[in-house]
Amino acid sequence: FYMYGDRRGLLFRSYAKDQIRDLTDGALKTNK
């Protein structure tokens, strides 16, 4: 529910930083 409605729009992002989290945030941001 929150991935489709909020996270996809970048309203939230991962707080901690590592490769998996960066890939998630990057994929959402670049729409890939």
PDB file of all heavy atoms in Angstrom:
ATOM      1  N   PHE A   1       0.823  -1.201   0.000  1.00  0.00           N
ATOM      2  CA  PHE A   1       0.000   0.000   0.000  1.00  0.00           C
ATOM      3  C   PHE A   1       0.861   1.257   0.000  1.00  0.00           C
ATOM      4  O   PHE A   1       0.596   2.202  -0.758  1.00  0.00           O
ATOM      5  CB  PHE A   1      -0.925  -0.011   1.219  1.00  0.00           C
ATOM      6  CG  PHE A   1      -1.888   1.149   1.258  1.00  0.00           C
ATOM      7  CD1 PHE A   1      -3.045   1.120   0.504  1.00  0.00           C
ATOM      8  CD2 PHE A   1      -1.627   2.257   2.040  1.00  0.00           C
ATOM      9  CE1 PHE A   1      -3.943   2.190   0.533  1.00  0.00           C
ATOM     10  CE2 PHE A   1      -2.510   3.324   2.082  1.00  0.00           C
ATOM     11  CZ  PHE A   1      -3.670   3.299   1.330  1.00  0.00           C
ATOM     12  N   TYR A   2       1.880   1.292   0.828  1.00  0.00           N
ATOM     13  CA  TYR A   2       2.706   2.495   0.944  1.00  0.00           C
ATOM     14  C   TYR A   2       3.780   2.563  -0.135  1.00  0.00           C
ATOM     15  O   TYR A   2       4.210   3.654  -0.513  1.00  0.00           O
ATOM     16  CB  TYR A   2       3.306   2.577   2.344  1.00  0.00           C
ATOM     17  CG  TYR A   2       2.235   2.639   3.409  1.00  0.00           C
ATOM     18  CD1 TYR A   2       1.972   1.553   4.237  1.00  0.00           C
ATOM     19  CD2 TYR A   2       1.444   3.775   3.546  1.00  0.00           C
ATOM     20  CE1 TYR A   2       0.964   1.603   5.189  1.00  0.00           C
ATOM     21  CE2 TYR A   2       0.434   3.834   4.495  1.00  0.00           C
ATOM     22  CZ  TYR A   2       0.199   2.747   5.314  1.00  0.00           C
ATOM     23  OH  TYR A   2      -0.814   2.793   6.250  1.00  0.00           O
ATOM     24  N   MET A   3       4.209   1.429  -0.639  1.00  0.00           N
ATOM     25  CA  MET A   3       5.132   1.454  -1.774  1.00  0.00           C
ATOM     26  C   MET A   3       4.460   2.034  -3.001  1.00  0.00           C
ATOM     27  O   MET A   3       5.019   2.881  -3.702  1.00  0.00           O
ATOM     28  CB  MET A   3       5.650   0.048  -2.081  1.00  0.00           C
ATOM     29  CG  MET A   3       6.745  -0.437  -1.157  1.00  0.00           C
ATOM     30  SD  MET A   3       8.283   0.519  -1.261  1.00  0.00           S
ATOM     31  CE  MET A   3       8.874   0.049  -2.893  1.00  0.00           C
ATOM     32  N   TYR A   4       3.236   1.596  -3.287  1.00  0.00           N
ATOM     33  CA  TYR A   4       2.535   2.067  -4.472  1.00  0.00           C
ATOM     34  C   TYR A   4       2.147   3.537  -4.348  1.00  0.00           C
ATOM     35  O   TYR A   4       2.268   4.303  -5.297  1.00  0.00           O
ATOM     36  CB  TYR A   4       1.255   1.244  -4.698  1.00  0.00           C
ATOM     37  CG  TYR A   4       1.460  -0.218  -5.015  1.00  0.00           C
ATOM     38  CD1 TYR A   4       0.481  -1.157  -4.697  1.00  0.00           C
ATOM     39  CD2 TYR A   4       2.611  -0.676  -5.644  1.00  0.00           C
ATOM     40  CE1 TYR A   4       0.631  -2.497  -4.996  1.00  0.00           C
ATOM     41  CE2 TYR A   4       2.781  -2.020  -5.933  1.00  0.00           C
ATOM     42  CZ  TYR A   4       1.788  -2.933  -5.606  1.00  0.00           C
ATOM     43  OH  TYR A   4       1.955  -4.262  -5.896  1.00  0.00           O
ATOM     44  N   GLY A   5       1.669   3.935  -3.166  1.00  0.00           N
ATOM     45  CA  GLY A   5       1.105   5.272  -3.032  1.00  0.00           C
ATOM     46  C   GLY A   5       2.048   6.345  -2.562  1.00  0.00           C
ATOM     47  O   GLY A   5       1.868   7.515  -2.911  1.00  0.00           O
ATOM     48  N   ASP A   6       3.058   6.000  -1.754  1.00  0.00           N
ATOM     49  CA  ASP A   6       3.955   6.999  -1.172  1.00  0.00           C
ATOM     50  C   ASP A   6       5.404   6.869  -1.644  1.00  0.00           C
ATOM     51  O   ASP A   6       5.987   7.817  -2.158  1.00  0.00           O
ATOM     52  CB  ASP A   6       3.927   6.905   0.361  1.00  0.00           C
ATOM     53  CG  ASP A   6       2.627   7.409   0.953  1.00  0.00           C
ATOM     54  OD1 ASP A   6       2.072   8.374   0.406  1.00  0.00           O
ATOM     55  OD2 ASP A   6       2.164   6.832   1.954  1.00  0.00           O
ATOM     56  N   ARG A   7       5.964   5.680  -1.459  1.00  0.00           N
ATOM     57  CA  ARG A   7       7.401   5.510  -1.742  1.00  0.00           C
ATOM     58  C   ARG A   7       7.689   5.690  -3.229  1.00  0.00           C
ATOM     59  O   ARG A   7       8.739   6.219  -3.595  1.00  0.00           O
ATOM     60  CB  ARG A   7       7.841   4.122  -1.268  1.00  0.00           C
ATOM     61  CG  ARG A   7       9.351   3.871  -1.323  1.00  0.00           C
ATOM     62  CD  ARG A   7      10.067   4.440  -0.115  1.00  0.00           C
ATOM     63  NE  ARG A   7      11.518   4.321  -0.275  1.00  0.00           N
ATOM     64  CZ  ARG A   7      12.244   3.293   0.130  1.00  0.00           C
ATOM     65  NH1 ARG A   7      11.658   2.276   0.731  1.00  0.00           N
ATOM     66  NH2 ARG A   7      13.544   3.279  -0.058  1.00  0.00           N
ATOM     67  N   ARG A   8       6.777   5.276  -4.089  1.00  0.00           N
ATOM     68  CA  ARG A   8       7.001   5.430  -5.528  1.00  0.00           C
ATOM     69  C   ARG A   8       7.150   6.906  -5.910  1.00  0.00           C
ATOM     70  O   ARG A   8       7.854   7.246  -6.850  1.00  0.00           O
ATOM     71  CB  ARG A   8       5.837   4.803  -6.304  1.00  0.00           C
ATOM     72  CG  ARG A   8       5.944   4.952  -7.826  1.00  0.00           C
ATOM     73  CD  ARG A   8       6.985   4.008  -8.406  1.00  0.00           C
ATOM     74  NE  ARG A   8       7.207   4.258  -9.822  1.00  0.00           N
ATOM     75  CZ  ARG A   8       6.431   3.850 -10.826  1.00  0.00           C
ATOM     76  NH1 ARG A   8       5.335   3.153 -10.548  1.00  0.00           N
ATOM     77  NH2 ARG A   8       6.737   4.114 -12.065  1.00  0.00           N
ATOM     78  N   GLY A   9       6.485   7.778  -5.187  1.00  0.00           N
ATOM     79  CA  GLY A   9       6.608   9.208  -5.449  1.00  0.00           C
ATOM     80  C   GLY A   9       7.772   9.863  -4.750  1.00  0.00           C
ATOM     81  O   GLY A   9       7.933  11.079  -4.820  1.00  0.00           O
ATOM     82  N   LEU A  10       8.586   9.077  -4.050  1.00  0.00           N
ATOM     83  CA  LEU A  10       9.760   9.540  -3.303  1.00  0.00           C
ATOM     84  C   LEU A  10       9.387  10.315  -2.046  1.00  0.00           C
ATOM     85  O   LEU A  10      10.215  11.052  -1.509  1.00  0.00           O
ATOM     86  CB  LEU A  10      10.691  10.398  -4.175  1.00  0.00           C
ATOM     87  CG  LEU A  10      11.134   9.811  -5.507  1.00  0.00           C
ATOM     88  CD1 LEU A  10      12.153  10.743  -6.169  1.00  0.00           C
ATOM     89  CD2 LEU A  10      11.722   8.426  -5.345  1.00  0.00           C
ATOM     90  N   LEU A  11       8.167  10.149  -1.554  1.00  0.00           N
ATOM     91  CA  LEU A  11       7.792  10.815  -0.319  1.00  0.00           C
ATOM     92  C   LEU A  11       8.615  10.294   0.855  1.00  0.00           C
ATOM     93  O   LEU A  11       8.913  11.029   1.795  1.00  0.00           O
ATOM     94  CB  LEU A  11       6.306  10.591  -0.048  1.00  0.00           C
ATOM     95  CG  LEU A  11       5.657  11.433   1.039  1.00  0.00           C
ATOM     96  CD1 LEU A  11       5.754  12.912   0.712  1.00  0.00           C
ATOM     97  CD2 LEU A  11       4.206  11.031   1.232  1.00  0.00           C
ATOM     98  N   PHE A  12       8.983   9.019   0.790  1.00  0.00           N
ATOM     99  CA  PHE A  12       9.863   8.414   1.785  1.00  0.00           C
ATOM    100  C   PHE A  12      11.054   7.793   1.067  1.00  0.00           C
ATOM    101  O   PHE A  12      10.981   7.446  -0.112  1.00  0.00           O
ATOM    102  CB  PHE A  12       9.139   7.320   2.579  1.00  0.00           C
ATOM    103  CG  PHE A  12       8.053   7.826   3.460  1.00  0.00           C
ATOM    104  CD1 PHE A  12       6.748   7.924   3.002  1.00  0.00           C
ATOM    105  CD2 PHE A  12       8.319   8.209   4.763  1.00  0.00           C
ATOM    106  CE1 PHE A  12       5.731   8.389   3.807  1.00  0.00           C
ATOM    107  CE2 PHE A  12       7.311   8.670   5.586  1.00  0.00           C
ATOM    108  CZ  PHE A  12       6.013   8.769   5.106  1.00  0.00           C
ATOM    109  N   ARG A  13      12.144   7.640   1.789  1.00  0.00           N
ATOM    110  CA  ARG A  13      13.307   6.924   1.282  1.00  0.00           C
ATOM    111  C   ARG A  13      13.936   6.156   2.434  1.00  0.00           C
ATOM    112  O   ARG A  13      13.600   6.354   3.600  1.00  0.00           O
ATOM    113  CB  ARG A  13      14.319   7.887   0.674  1.00  0.00           C
ATOM    114  CG  ARG A  13      14.888   8.903   1.655  1.00  0.00           C
ATOM    115  CD  ARG A  13      16.117   9.595   1.097  1.00  0.00           C
ATOM    116  NE  ARG A  13      17.223   8.664   0.962  1.00  0.00           N
ATOM    117  CZ  ARG A  13      18.354   8.953   0.305  1.00  0.00           C
ATOM    118  NH1 ARG A  13      18.508  10.115  -0.278  1.00  0.00           N
ATOM    119  NH2 ARG A  13      19.321   8.070   0.236  1.00  0.00           N
ATOM    120  N   SER A  14      14.847   5.255   2.104  1.00  0.00           N
ATOM    121  CA  SER A  14      15.542   4.508   3.145  1.00  0.00           C
ATOM    122  C   SER A  14      16.361   5.469   3.996  1.00  0.00           C
ATOM    123  O   SER A  14      17.011   6.375   3.466  1.00  0.00           O
ATOM    124  CB  SER A  14      16.465   3.460   2.520  1.00  0.00           C
ATOM    125  OG  SER A  14      15.727   2.541   1.752  1.00  0.00           O
ATOM    126  N   TYR A  15      16.324   5.240   5.305  1.00  0.00           N
ATOM    127  CA  TYR A  15      17.099   6.121   6.189  1.00  0.00           C
ATOM    128  C   TYR A  15      18.573   5.744   6.173  1.00  0.00           C
ATOM    129  O   TYR A  15      19.435   6.578   5.960  1.00  0.00           O
ATOM    130  CB  TYR A  15      16.553   6.057   7.619  1.00  0.00           C
ATOM    131  CG  TYR A  15      17.401   6.873   8.572  1.00  0.00           C
ATOM    132  CD1 TYR A  15      17.361   8.261   8.518  1.00  0.00           C
ATOM    133  CD2 TYR A  15      18.265   6.265   9.472  1.00  0.00           C
ATOM    134  CE1 TYR A  15      18.160   9.019   9.355  1.00  0.00           C
ATOM    135  CE2 TYR A  15      19.052   7.009  10.316  1.00  0.00           C
ATOM    136  CZ  TYR A  15      19.000   8.395  10.259  1.00  0.00           C
ATOM    137  OH  TYR A  15      19.801   9.140  11.077  1.00  0.00           O
ATOM    138  N   ALA A  16      18.859   4.463   6.411  1.00  0.00           N
ATOM    139  CA  ALA A  16      20.253   4.011   6.414  1.00  0.00           C
ATOM    140  C   ALA A  16      20.763   3.928   4.981  1.00  0.00           C
ATOM    141  O   ALA A  16      20.002   3.843   4.022  1.00  0.00           O
ATOM    142  CB  ALA A  16      20.370   2.666   7.108  1.00  0.00           C
ATOM    143  N   LYS A  17      22.065   3.940   4.824  1.00  0.00           N
ATOM    144  CA  LYS A  17      22.669   3.911   3.498  1.00  0.00           C
ATOM    145  C   LYS A  17      23.528   2.658   3.337  1.00  0.00           C
ATOM    146  O   LYS A  17      24.430   2.395   4.114  1.00  0.00           O
ATOM    147  CB  LYS A  17      23.559   5.152   3.286  1.00  0.00           C
ATOM    148  CG  LYS A  17      22.821   6.480   3.454  1.00  0.00           C
ATOM    149  CD  LYS A  17      21.808   6.709   2.364  1.00  0.00           C
ATOM    150  CE  LYS A  17      22.458   6.965   1.041  1.00  0.00           C
ATOM    151  NZ  LYS A  17      21.461   7.206  -0.024  1.00  0.00           N
ATOM    152  N   ASP A  18      23.217   1.858   2.343  1.00  0.00           N
ATOM    153  CA  ASP A  18      24.068   0.762   1.918  1.00  0.00           C
ATOM    154  C   ASP A  18      23.659   0.392   0.504  1.00  0.00           C
ATOM    155  O   ASP A  18      22.769   1.013  -0.088  1.00  0.00           O
ATOM    156  CB  ASP A  18      24.017  -0.431   2.881  1.00  0.00           C
ATOM    157  CG  ASP A  18      22.627  -1.060   2.980  1.00  0.00           C
ATOM    158  OD1 ASP A  18      21.840  -0.956   2.013  1.00  0.00           O
ATOM    159  OD2 ASP A  18      22.318  -1.654   4.016  1.00  0.00           O
ATOM    160  N   GLN A  19      24.256  -0.628  -0.076  1.00  0.00           N
ATOM    161  CA  GLN A  19      24.028  -0.920  -1.486  1.00  0.00           C
ATOM    162  C   GLN A  19      22.573  -1.259  -1.788  1.00  0.00           C
ATOM    163  O   GLN A  19      21.991  -0.760  -2.748  1.00  0.00           O
ATOM    164  CB  GLN A  19      24.932  -2.065  -1.951  1.00  0.00           C
ATOM    165  CG  GLN A  19      24.809  -2.358  -3.444  1.00  0.00           C
ATOM    166  CD  GLN A  19      25.728  -3.467  -3.897  1.00  0.00           C
ATOM    167  OE1 GLN A  19      26.291  -4.186  -3.076  1.00  0.00           O
ATOM    168  NE2 GLN A  19      25.891  -3.618  -5.200  1.00  0.00           N
ATOM    169  N   ILE A  20      21.976  -2.121  -0.960  1.00  0.00           N
ATOM    170  CA  ILE A  20      20.596  -2.533  -1.228  1.00  0.00           C
ATOM    171  C   ILE A  20      19.650  -1.347  -1.133  1.00  0.00           C
ATOM    172  O   ILE A  20      18.792  -1.133  -1.992  1.00  0.00           O
ATOM    173  CB  ILE A  20      20.176  -3.655  -0.264  1.00  0.00           C
ATOM    174  CG1 ILE A  20      20.970  -4.927  -0.554  1.00  0.00           C
ATOM    175  CG2 ILE A  20      18.676  -3.922  -0.363  1.00  0.00           C
ATOM    176  CD1 ILE A  20      20.682  -6.073   0.378  1.00  0.00           C
ATOM    177  N   ARG A  21      19.836  -0.553  -0.094  1.00  0.00           N
ATOM    178  CA  ARG A  21      18.968   0.605   0.075  1.00  0.00           C
ATOM    179  C   ARG A  21      19.191   1.626  -1.040  1.00  0.00           C
ATOM    180  O   ARG A  21      18.242   2.217  -1.552  1.00  0.00           O
ATOM    181  CB  ARG A  21      19.221   1.235   1.436  1.00  0.00           C
ATOM    182  CG  ARG A  21      18.821   0.327   2.599  1.00  0.00           C
ATOM    183  CD  ARG A  21      19.380   0.852   3.914  1.00  0.00           C
ATOM    184  NE  ARG A  21      18.957   0.050   5.044  1.00  0.00           N
ATOM    185  CZ  ARG A  21      19.543  -1.079   5.412  1.00  0.00           C
ATOM    186  NH1 ARG A  21      20.564  -1.558   4.727  1.00  0.00           N
ATOM    187  NH2 ARG A  21      19.120  -1.739   6.469  1.00  0.00           N
ATOM    188  N   ASP A  22      20.444   1.841  -1.404  1.00  0.00           N
ATOM    189  CA  ASP A  22      20.734   2.784  -2.481  1.00  0.00           C
ATOM    190  C   ASP A  22      20.138   2.324  -3.796  1.00  0.00           C
ATOM    191  O   ASP A  22      19.636   3.132  -4.588  1.00  0.00           O
ATOM    192  CB  ASP A  22      22.248   2.971  -2.630  1.00  0.00           C
ATOM    193  CG  ASP A  22      22.856   3.793  -1.486  1.00  0.00           C
ATOM    194  OD1 ASP A  22      22.073   4.427  -0.753  1.00  0.00           O
ATOM    195  OD2 ASP A  22      24.082   3.789  -1.348  1.00  0.00           O
ATOM    196  N   LEU A  23      20.170   1.017  -4.062  1.00  0.00           N
ATOM    197  CA  LEU A  23      19.589   0.498  -5.297  1.00  0.00           C
ATOM    198  C   LEU A  23      18.074   0.722  -5.313  1.00  0.00           C
ATOM    199  O   LEU A  23      17.498   1.081  -6.342  1.00  0.00           O
ATOM    200  CB  LEU A  23      19.901  -0.990  -5.446  1.00  0.00           C
ATOM    201  CG  LEU A  23      21.294  -1.356  -5.934  1.00  0.00           C
ATOM    202  CD1 LEU A  23      21.487  -2.858  -5.902  1.00  0.00           C
ATOM    203  CD2 LEU A  23      21.533  -0.827  -7.347  1.00  0.00           C
ATOM    204  N   THR A  24      17.432   0.517  -4.159  1.00  0.00           N
ATOM    205  CA  THR A  24      15.989   0.739  -4.087  1.00  0.00           C
ATOM    206  C   THR A  24      15.657   2.195  -4.339  1.00  0.00           C
ATOM    207  O   THR A  24      14.802   2.525  -5.171  1.00  0.00           O
ATOM    208  CB  THR A  24      15.447   0.306  -2.716  1.00  0.00           C
ATOM    209  OG1 THR A  24      15.679  -1.089  -2.538  1.00  0.00           O
ATOM    210  CG2 THR A  24      13.956   0.588  -2.599  1.00  0.00           C
ATOM    211  N   ASP A  25      16.306   3.088  -3.619  1.00  0.00           N
ATOM    212  CA  ASP A  25      16.040   4.514  -3.790  1.00  0.00           C
ATOM    213  C   ASP A  25      16.377   4.971  -5.204  1.00  0.00           C
ATOM    214  O   ASP A  25      15.639   5.750  -5.806  1.00  0.00           O
ATOM    215  CB  ASP A  25      16.838   5.330  -2.772  1.00  0.00           C
ATOM    216  CG  ASP A  25      16.344   5.113  -1.345  1.00  0.00           C
ATOM    217  OD1 ASP A  25      15.136   4.885  -1.176  1.00  0.00           O
ATOM    218  OD2 ASP A  25      17.160   5.169  -0.421  1.00  0.00           O
ATOM    219  N   GLY A  26      17.480   4.467  -5.744  1.00  0.00           N
ATOM    220  CA  GLY A  26      17.878   4.849  -7.095  1.00  0.00           C
ATOM    221  C   GLY A  26      16.913   4.345  -8.147  1.00  0.00           C
ATOM    222  O   GLY A  26      16.586   5.058  -9.106  1.00  0.00           O
ATOM    223  N   ALA A  27      16.435   3.110  -7.988  1.00  0.00           N
ATOM    224  CA  ALA A  27      15.494   2.555  -8.957  1.00  0.00           C
ATOM    225  C   ALA A  27      14.181   3.323  -8.947  1.00  0.00           C
ATOM    226  O   ALA A  27      13.582   3.573  -9.994  1.00  0.00           O
ATOM    227  CB  ALA A  27      15.242   1.078  -8.649  1.00  0.00           C
ATOM    228  N   LEU A  28      13.720   3.707  -7.766  1.00  0.00           N
ATOM    229  CA  LEU A  28      12.492   4.482  -7.676  1.00  0.00           C
ATOM    230  C   LEU A  28      12.680   5.877  -8.272  1.00  0.00           C
ATOM    231  O   LEU A  28      11.810   6.377  -8.988  1.00  0.00           O
ATOM    232  CB  LEU A  28      12.052   4.591  -6.217  1.00  0.00           C
ATOM    233  CG  LEU A  28      11.564   3.290  -5.572  1.00  0.00           C
ATOM    234  CD1 LEU A  28      11.492   3.440  -4.062  1.00  0.00           C
ATOM    235  CD2 LEU A  28      10.194   2.901  -6.125  1.00  0.00           C
ATOM    236  N   LYS A  29      13.818   6.474  -8.005  1.00  0.00           N
ATOM    237  CA  LYS A  29      14.076   7.838  -8.453  1.00  0.00           C
ATOM    238  C   LYS A  29      14.217   7.931  -9.967  1.00  0.00           C
ATOM    239  O   LYS A  29      13.700   8.843 -10.610  1.00  0.00           O
ATOM    240  CB  LYS A  29      15.337   8.360  -7.773  1.00  0.00           C
ATOM    241  CG  LYS A  29      15.651   9.812  -8.031  1.00  0.00           C
ATOM    242  CD  LYS A  29      16.763  10.259  -7.102  1.00  0.00           C
ATOM    243  CE  LYS A  29      17.124  11.701  -7.359  1.00  0.00           C
ATOM    244  NZ  LYS A  29      17.635  11.903  -8.714  1.00  0.00           N
ATOM    245  N   THR A  30      14.920   6.964 -10.556  1.00  0.00           N
ATOM    246  CA  THR A  30      15.131   6.976 -12.006  1.00  0.00           C
ATOM    247  C   THR A  30      14.060   6.203 -12.760  1.00  0.00           C
ATOM    248  O   THR A  30      14.121   6.086 -13.986  1.00  0.00           O
ATOM    249  CB  THR A  30      16.515   6.388 -12.349  1.00  0.00           C
ATOM    250  OG1 THR A  30      16.596   5.043 -11.858  1.00  0.00           O
ATOM    251  CG2 THR A  30      17.625   7.229 -11.732  1.00  0.00           C
ATOM    252  N   ASN A  31      13.079   5.651 -12.015  1.00  0.00           N
ATOM    253  CA  ASN A  31      11.963   4.908 -12.598  1.00  0.00           C
ATOM    254  C   ASN A  31      12.451   3.706 -13.410  1.00  0.00           C
ATOM    255  O   ASN A  31      11.974   3.433 -14.509  1.00  0.00           O
ATOM    256  CB  ASN A  31      11.100   5.819 -13.480  1.00  0.00           C
ATOM    257  CG  ASN A  31       9.638   5.415 -13.457  1.00  0.00           C
ATOM    258  OD1 ASN A  31       9.091   5.086 -12.411  1.00  0.00           O
ATOM    259  ND2 ASN A  31       9.009   5.399 -14.607  1.00  0.00           N
ATOM    260  N   LYS A  32      13.373   2.965 -12.831  1.00  0.00           N
ATOM    261  CA  LYS A  32      13.916   1.765 -13.480  1.00  0.00           C
ATOM    262  C   LYS A  32      13.650   0.547 -12.591  1.00  0.00           C
ATOM    263  O   LYS A  32      14.563  -0.222 -12.273  1.00  0.00           O
ATOM    264  CB  LYS A  32      15.420   1.938 -13.727  1.00  0.00           C
ATOM    265  CG  LYS A  32      15.771   3.144 -14.587  1.00  0.00           C
ATOM    266  CD  LYS A  32      15.301   2.986 -16.021  1.00  0.00           C
ATOM    267  CE  LYS A  32      15.544   4.250 -16.854  1.00  0.00           C
ATOM    268  NZ  LYS A  32      16.940   4.635 -16.925  1.00  0.00           N
TER     269      LYS A  32
END
